[in-house]
Protein backbone atom coordinates (compact mmCIF):
# COMPACT_ATOMS: atom_id res chain seq x y z
CA MET A 1 -50.92 25.97 41.13
CA SER A 2 -47.42 24.99 43.42
CA TRP A 3 -45.42 21.97 42.67
CA GLY A 4 -46.33 19.98 45.70
CA THR A 5 -49.88 19.60 45.42
CA PRO A 6 -51.01 16.91 43.05
CA MET A 7 -52.88 17.67 40.11
CA THR A 8 -56.37 16.39 39.19
CA LEU A 9 -57.91 16.10 36.10
CA THR A 10 -61.64 16.78 36.82
CA TRP A 11 -62.38 17.21 33.11
CA LEU A 12 -61.24 13.68 32.23
CA GLN A 13 -63.68 10.77 32.41
CA TRP A 14 -62.42 7.34 33.14
CA GLY A 15 -65.21 5.68 32.45
CA ASP A 16 -66.26 2.37 34.20
CA ILE A 17 -65.00 -1.04 34.21
CA PRO A 18 -67.43 -2.61 31.50
CA THR A 19 -66.60 0.07 29.05
CA TRP A 20 -62.90 -0.58 29.68
CA LEU A 21 -63.50 -4.18 29.14
CA ALA A 22 -65.49 -3.54 25.92
CA ALA A 23 -62.45 -1.41 24.64
CA ILE A 24 -59.71 -4.01 25.37
CA GLY A 25 -61.95 -6.76 23.88
CA THR A 26 -62.52 -4.71 20.82
CA VAL A 27 -58.68 -3.87 20.28
CA GLY A 28 -58.28 -7.73 21.04
CA GLY A 29 -60.66 -8.65 18.26
CA LEU A 30 -59.08 -6.40 15.83
CA PHE A 31 -55.64 -8.21 16.63
CA TYR A 32 -56.95 -11.44 16.55
CA ALA A 33 -58.76 -10.53 12.86
CA LEU A 34 -55.33 -8.86 11.40
CA ARG A 35 -53.73 -12.21 12.21
CA LEU A 36 -56.35 -14.41 10.81
CA PHE A 37 -55.94 -12.45 7.50
CA ARG A 38 -52.74 -12.50 7.41
CA ARG A 39 -52.74 -16.43 7.89
CA GLU A 40 -55.41 -16.50 5.24
CA ALA A 41 -53.22 -14.32 2.63
CA GLN A 42 -50.15 -17.02 3.63
CA THR A 43 -52.40 -19.81 2.65
CA GLY A 44 -53.36 -17.98 -0.53
CA ARG A 45 -49.91 -17.57 -1.58
CA GLN A 46 -48.98 -20.74 -0.80
CA ARG A 47 -51.65 -22.29 -2.88
CA ASP A 48 -50.68 -19.99 -5.92
CA GLU A 49 -47.28 -21.24 -5.60
CA ASP A 50 -48.71 -24.92 -5.51
CA ARG A 51 -50.80 -24.38 -8.56
CA LEU A 52 -47.51 -22.91 -10.41
CA ARG A 53 -45.66 -25.86 -9.47
CA GLU A 54 -48.24 -28.26 -10.78
CA LEU A 55 -46.77 -28.88 -14.21
CA ALA A 56 -43.06 -28.58 -13.52
CA ARG A 57 -43.38 -30.80 -11.00
CA PHE A 58 -43.16 -33.68 -13.35
CA VAL A 59 -40.24 -32.85 -15.09
CA ALA A 60 -36.86 -34.67 -13.43
CA VAL A 61 -33.54 -35.81 -14.29
CA TRP A 62 -31.55 -38.79 -12.57
CA ILE A 63 -28.75 -41.07 -13.06
CA ASN A 64 -29.85 -44.66 -14.29
CA GLU A 65 -28.10 -48.07 -13.85
CA LYS A 66 -25.95 -47.31 -16.81
CA GLY A 67 -24.46 -44.45 -15.25
CA THR A 68 -26.19 -41.96 -17.78
CA LEU A 69 -28.89 -39.23 -17.18
CA THR A 70 -32.40 -39.85 -17.96
CA MET A 71 -34.78 -37.10 -18.22
CA ARG A 72 -38.42 -37.45 -17.68
CA ASN A 73 -41.48 -35.35 -18.87
CA GLY A 74 -44.50 -37.38 -16.99
CA GLY A 75 -46.83 -34.19 -17.14
CA PRO A 76 -49.52 -33.79 -19.89
CA GLU A 77 -47.39 -30.49 -21.32
CA PRO A 78 -44.25 -30.17 -22.76
CA ALA A 79 -40.97 -28.77 -21.22
CA TYR A 80 -38.99 -26.04 -23.07
CA ASP A 81 -35.18 -24.98 -23.08
CA VAL A 82 -34.46 -27.96 -20.96
CA GLY A 83 -30.60 -28.16 -19.86
CA VAL A 84 -28.64 -30.39 -17.46
CA TYR A 85 -25.80 -28.64 -16.07
CA HIS A 86 -23.08 -30.26 -13.64
CA SER A 87 -23.41 -28.23 -10.75
CA ARG A 88 -20.38 -28.74 -9.04
CA GLU A 89 -18.45 -25.01 -8.19
CA GLU A 90 -15.42 -25.71 -6.74
CA ASP A 91 -12.40 -24.82 -8.45
CA LEU A 92 -14.38 -22.40 -10.60
CA ASP A 93 -14.56 -18.65 -10.52
CA PRO A 94 -17.86 -16.81 -10.20
CA GLY A 95 -19.32 -16.16 -13.16
CA GLU A 96 -17.58 -18.89 -14.99
CA SER A 97 -19.85 -21.15 -17.01
CA LEU A 98 -20.78 -24.66 -15.65
CA LEU A 99 -20.38 -27.90 -17.66
CA LEU A 100 -23.55 -28.14 -20.11
CA LEU A 101 -24.08 -32.28 -19.53
CA TYR A 102 -27.32 -31.99 -21.71
CA GLN A 103 -29.47 -29.65 -23.86
CA ASN A 104 -32.85 -30.29 -25.54
CA PRO A 105 -35.35 -27.48 -26.93
CA LEU A 106 -38.30 -29.30 -26.54
CA LEU A 107 -39.12 -32.25 -24.06
CA PRO A 108 -42.56 -33.89 -25.01
CA PRO A 109 -45.06 -34.61 -22.73
CA LEU A 110 -45.25 -38.03 -21.36
CA THR A 111 -41.38 -38.77 -22.30
CA GLU A 112 -38.66 -40.48 -20.75
CA ILE A 113 -35.19 -39.84 -22.79
CA ASP A 114 -31.80 -41.87 -21.99
CA THR A 115 -29.49 -38.79 -22.68
CA GLY A 116 -26.53 -40.84 -22.95
CA ALA A 117 -24.74 -38.12 -21.09
CA SER A 118 -22.84 -39.07 -18.23
CA ASN A 119 -22.20 -36.66 -14.77
CA PRO A 120 -18.44 -36.56 -13.75
CA THR A 121 -18.74 -37.59 -10.33
CA PRO A 122 -15.60 -36.69 -8.71
CA MET A 123 -15.12 -38.14 -4.68
CA GLY A 124 -18.43 -40.10 -5.76
CA THR A 125 -20.99 -37.13 -5.67
CA GLN A 126 -23.36 -36.83 -8.27
CA MET A 127 -24.36 -33.17 -8.68
CA PHE A 128 -26.28 -31.85 -11.60
CA ARG A 129 -28.88 -29.18 -12.16
CA LEU A 130 -31.98 -29.69 -14.16
CA VAL A 131 -33.18 -26.04 -15.91
CA PHE A 132 -36.40 -25.91 -18.06
CA THR A 133 -39.30 -23.90 -18.91
CA ASP A 134 -42.63 -25.01 -18.28
CA ALA A 135 -45.89 -24.55 -20.97
CA ARG A 136 -46.72 -21.44 -19.04
CA GLY A 137 -43.48 -19.74 -19.75
CA ILE A 138 -42.30 -20.17 -15.87
CA ARG A 139 -38.27 -20.95 -15.90
CA TRP A 140 -37.59 -23.64 -13.19
CA VAL A 141 -34.37 -25.27 -11.64
CA ARG A 142 -34.27 -28.49 -10.01
CA GLU A 143 -30.87 -29.15 -7.87
CA GLY A 144 -29.99 -32.93 -7.64
CA GLY A 145 -31.70 -32.98 -4.32
CA GLY A 146 -34.81 -33.00 -6.05
CA GLY A 147 -35.83 -29.12 -4.72
CA LEU A 148 -38.04 -27.21 -7.56
CA ILE A 149 -37.40 -23.73 -7.66
CA ARG A 150 -38.92 -20.88 -9.53
CA VAL A 151 -36.45 -18.66 -11.16
CA ASP A 152 -36.08 -15.05 -12.82
CA PRO A 153 -35.69 -16.05 -16.63
CA LYS A 154 -33.17 -13.02 -16.20
CA ILE A 155 -30.57 -15.33 -14.20
CA ASP A 156 -28.08 -17.61 -15.98
CA VAL A 157 -28.04 -20.44 -14.15
CA GLY A 158 -25.46 -21.99 -16.16
CA VAL A 159 -22.84 -20.18 -14.07
CA VAL A 160 -20.94 -20.43 -10.86
CA GLY A 161 -23.13 -18.60 -8.23
CA ALA A 162 -26.19 -18.52 -9.85
CA MET A 163 -27.56 -20.45 -7.00
CA ALA A 164 -26.49 -17.88 -4.56
CA GLU A 165 -28.48 -15.29 -6.63
CA ILE A 166 -31.32 -17.79 -6.76
CA GLN A 167 -31.45 -18.20 -3.21
CA LYS A 168 -31.54 -14.40 -2.41
CA ALA A 169 -34.28 -13.78 -4.85
CA SER A 170 -36.21 -16.32 -3.39
CA GLY A 171 -35.74 -15.17 0.02
CA GLY A 172 -33.53 -18.09 1.37
CA TRP A 173 -36.01 -20.97 0.42
CA ALA A 174 -34.34 -21.96 -2.54
CA HIS A 175 -33.54 -25.64 -1.51
CA SER A 176 -36.60 -26.26 0.09
CA PRO A 177 -39.32 -27.89 -2.11
CA ARG A 178 -42.20 -25.78 -0.38
CA TYR A 179 -42.30 -22.16 0.25
CA PRO A 180 -42.75 -21.48 3.94
CA GLY A 181 -46.27 -21.13 5.01
């Protein structure tokens, strides 16, 4: 064999056009099936997350007309280890404790409580962080904006920098009421 002559592969059978089209269609169908499977898995994860949020979504805190914090559990089961922190972190060092505005070991179902606690509002901003454990034992955080975030119980949410850690643990979706889907 010399370098100047083209090499022919007589032993290789390339097949015909219908066989090639069938092979391409098979590979395309496989990729489409994998895409559908992935989408269904994401939908299932979202459905599971919504099921977990079912009880926690009824627990909230807000500032009432008297300027004090009102806490409500509108769900059918109690909330445990409830705490409300002032969540403004400016002028505080990382790891420093946030101001605890209100704490209650048990918030019964279908209950609304005027805590009597006021929220310091520098420059007119009302920033607070509600932390509680639902009846299933899942720890939750609700920032003043209303987003509900599932939290690892090992994270101390009452310190400066906790939300950055929570956001990192949640894959960047900590300030969204729903995870991506």
